[in-house]
Amino acid sequence: MTRVEVLEPHTVEDVELATLSWVHWWNHERLLEPIGYMPPAEFEAHWREEIENGTLNSVVSPGIESGGTKHPGNETLGEHQLADVSS
C-alpha cells in the first residue's frame, strides 16, 4: 500500500476497509521465503494440523529444517541453543 492509497480515502470507514484489505494480503497472499514460499496463514494452518494430528515431531514443517529453527542468515539453532536464546 502506498502513501497515496492511504491519503485518498475521505472517511474513517474508507481507511478501515483499506487497512483490512492490506492485512488480508499480508496474512493470506504474501509469500514468505523462510517458510517455503507460502502465505503465513497457510503455514499456520499446516502447523496446527500437525499439532492436532500429533505428527509435528515426525513431519518437518515446510521451510523449517529438522533439528532446530531456521533464522535469518540461514543459521539454524538446535534445541540446546534455543534454550540459551530464550533465557
C-alpha atoms as a PDB file:
ATOM      1  CA  MET A   1       0.000   0.000   0.000  1.00  0.00           C
ATOM      2  CA  THR A   2       1.450   3.344  -0.963  1.00  0.00           C
ATOM      3  CA  ARG A   3       1.075   6.651   0.794  1.00  0.00           C
ATOM      4  CA  VAL A   4      -1.291   7.926  -1.922  1.00  0.00           C
ATOM      5  CA  GLU A   5      -3.623   4.979  -1.350  1.00  0.00           C
ATOM      6  CA  VAL A   6      -3.821   5.871   2.333  1.00  0.00           C
ATOM      7  CA  LEU A   7      -4.386   9.587   1.699  1.00  0.00           C
ATOM      8  CA  GLU A   8      -7.125   9.163  -0.905  1.00  0.00           C
ATOM      9  CA  PRO A   9      -9.886   7.801   1.401  1.00  0.00           C
ATOM     10  CA  HIS A  10     -12.017  10.519   2.935  1.00  0.00           C
ATOM     11  CA  THR A  11     -13.876   8.688   5.692  1.00  0.00           C
ATOM     12  CA  VAL A  12     -12.915   6.521   8.650  1.00  0.00           C
ATOM     13  CA  GLU A  13     -14.731   3.617   7.001  1.00  0.00           C
ATOM     14  CA  ASP A  14     -12.590   4.010   3.854  1.00  0.00           C
ATOM     15  CA  VAL A  15      -9.411   3.874   5.946  1.00  0.00           C
ATOM     16  CA  GLU A  16     -10.685   0.825   7.858  1.00  0.00           C
ATOM     17  CA  LEU A  17     -11.506  -1.010   4.624  1.00  0.00           C
ATOM     18  CA  ALA A  18      -8.101  -0.148   3.130  1.00  0.00           C
ATOM     19  CA  THR A  19      -6.392  -1.389   6.297  1.00  0.00           C
ATOM     20  CA  LEU A  20      -8.381  -4.636   6.373  1.00  0.00           C
ATOM     21  CA  SER A  21      -7.573  -5.227   2.718  1.00  0.00           C
ATOM     22  CA  TRP A  22      -3.843  -4.797   3.389  1.00  0.00           C
ATOM     23  CA  VAL A  23      -3.946  -7.065   6.471  1.00  0.00           C
ATOM     24  CA  HIS A  24      -5.675  -9.768   4.419  1.00  0.00           C
ATOM     25  CA  TRP A  25      -2.977  -9.513   1.737  1.00  0.00           C
ATOM     26  CA  TRP A  26      -0.229  -9.570   4.412  1.00  0.00           C
ATOM     27  CA  ASN A  27      -1.542 -12.765   6.031  1.00  0.00           C
ATOM     28  CA  HIS A  28      -3.134 -14.686   3.137  1.00  0.00           C
ATOM     29  CA  GLU A  29      -1.420 -13.732  -0.120  1.00  0.00           C
ATOM     30  CA  ARG A  30       2.157 -12.621   0.639  1.00  0.00           C
ATOM     31  CA  LEU A  31       4.694 -15.414   0.050  1.00  0.00           C
ATOM     32  CA  LEU A  32       7.413 -15.803   2.659  1.00  0.00           C
ATOM     33  CA  GLU A  33      10.715 -17.389   1.623  1.00  0.00           C
ATOM     34  CA  PRO A  34      11.746 -18.642   5.127  1.00  0.00           C
ATOM     35  CA  ILE A  35       8.604 -20.783   5.399  1.00  0.00           C
ATOM     36  CA  GLY A  36       8.728 -22.335   1.935  1.00  0.00           C
ATOM     37  CA  TYR A  37       7.244 -19.566  -0.217  1.00  0.00           C
ATOM     38  CA  MET A  38       3.755 -19.853   1.224  1.00  0.00           C
ATOM     39  CA  PRO A  39       1.473 -17.329   2.924  1.00  0.00           C
ATOM     40  CA  PRO A  40       1.736 -17.128   6.734  1.00  0.00           C
ATOM     41  CA  ALA A  41      -1.917 -18.187   7.196  1.00  0.00           C
ATOM     42  CA  GLU A  42      -1.378 -21.330   5.108  1.00  0.00           C
ATOM     43  CA  PHE A  43       1.788 -22.202   7.028  1.00  0.00           C
ATOM     44  CA  GLU A  44      -0.037 -21.756  10.337  1.00  0.00           C
ATOM     45  CA  ALA A  45      -2.884 -23.992   9.137  1.00  0.00           C
ATOM     46  CA  HIS A  46      -0.376 -26.757   8.267  1.00  0.00           C
ATOM     47  CA  TRP A  47       1.355 -26.289  11.631  1.00  0.00           C
ATOM     48  CA  ARG A  48      -1.924 -26.502  13.584  1.00  0.00           C
ATOM     49  CA  GLU A  49      -2.930 -29.612  11.623  1.00  0.00           C
ATOM     50  CA  GLU A  50       0.388 -31.273  12.521  1.00  0.00           C
ATOM     51  CA  ILE A  51      -0.151 -30.456  16.202  1.00  0.00           C
ATOM     52  CA  GLU A  52      -3.733 -31.798  16.172  1.00  0.00           C
ATOM     53  CA  ASN A  53      -2.661 -34.987  14.394  1.00  0.00           C
ATOM     54  CA  GLY A  54       0.329 -35.472  16.678  1.00  0.00           C
ATOM     55  CA  THR A  55       2.712 -35.502  13.713  1.00  0.00           C
ATOM     56  CA  LEU A  56       4.638 -32.314  14.491  1.00  0.00           C
ATOM     57  CA  ASN A  57       7.788 -34.151  15.625  1.00  0.00           C
ATOM     58  CA  SER A  58       7.764 -36.721  12.815  1.00  0.00           C
ATOM     59  CA  VAL A  59       6.960 -34.370   9.927  1.00  0.00           C
ATOM     60  CA  VAL A  60       9.216 -31.422   9.198  1.00  0.00           C
ATOM     61  CA  SER A  61       7.193 -28.278   8.581  1.00  0.00           C
ATOM     62  CA  PRO A  62       7.700 -26.649   5.163  1.00  0.00           C
ATOM     63  CA  GLY A  63      10.725 -24.368   5.117  1.00  0.00           C
ATOM     64  CA  ILE A  64      11.965 -25.411   8.555  1.00  0.00           C
ATOM     65  CA  GLU A  65      14.989 -27.656   8.800  1.00  0.00           C
ATOM     66  CA  SER A  66      14.841 -30.594  11.187  1.00  0.00           C
ATOM     67  CA  GLY A  67      16.701 -30.204  14.456  1.00  0.00           C
ATOM     68  CA  GLY A  68      16.047 -26.529  15.024  1.00  0.00           C
ATOM     69  CA  THR A  69      14.511 -23.297  13.890  1.00  0.00           C
ATOM     70  CA  LYS A  70      15.771 -21.532  10.769  1.00  0.00           C
ATOM     71  CA  HIS A  71      16.765 -17.927  11.368  1.00  0.00           C
ATOM     72  CA  PRO A  72      17.827 -15.065   9.074  1.00  0.00           C
ATOM     73  CA  GLY A  73      21.273 -15.635   7.657  1.00  0.00           C
ATOM     74  CA  ASN A  74      20.482 -19.352   7.225  1.00  0.00           C
ATOM     75  CA  GLU A  75      21.634 -20.064  10.764  1.00  0.00           C
ATOM     76  CA  THR A  76      19.884 -22.999  12.343  1.00  0.00           C
ATOM     77  CA  LEU A  77      19.591 -23.178  16.110  1.00  0.00           C
ATOM     78  CA  GLY A  78      19.260 -26.560  17.803  1.00  0.00           C
ATOM     79  CA  GLU A  79      17.183 -27.194  20.922  1.00  0.00           C
ATOM     80  CA  HIS A  80      20.109 -26.568  23.264  1.00  0.00           C
ATOM     81  CA  GLN A  81      20.827 -23.233  21.559  1.00  0.00           C
ATOM     82  CA  LEU A  82      17.145 -22.223  21.639  1.00  0.00           C
ATOM     83  CA  ALA A  83      17.208 -22.564  25.427  1.00  0.00           C
ATOM     84  CA  ASP A  84      20.121 -20.093  25.558  1.00  0.00           C
ATOM     85  CA  VAL A  85      18.326 -17.620  23.271  1.00  0.00           C
ATOM     86  CA  SER A  86      15.033 -17.699  25.183  1.00  0.00           C
ATOM     87  CA  SER A  87      16.634 -17.013  28.575  1.00  0.00           C
END
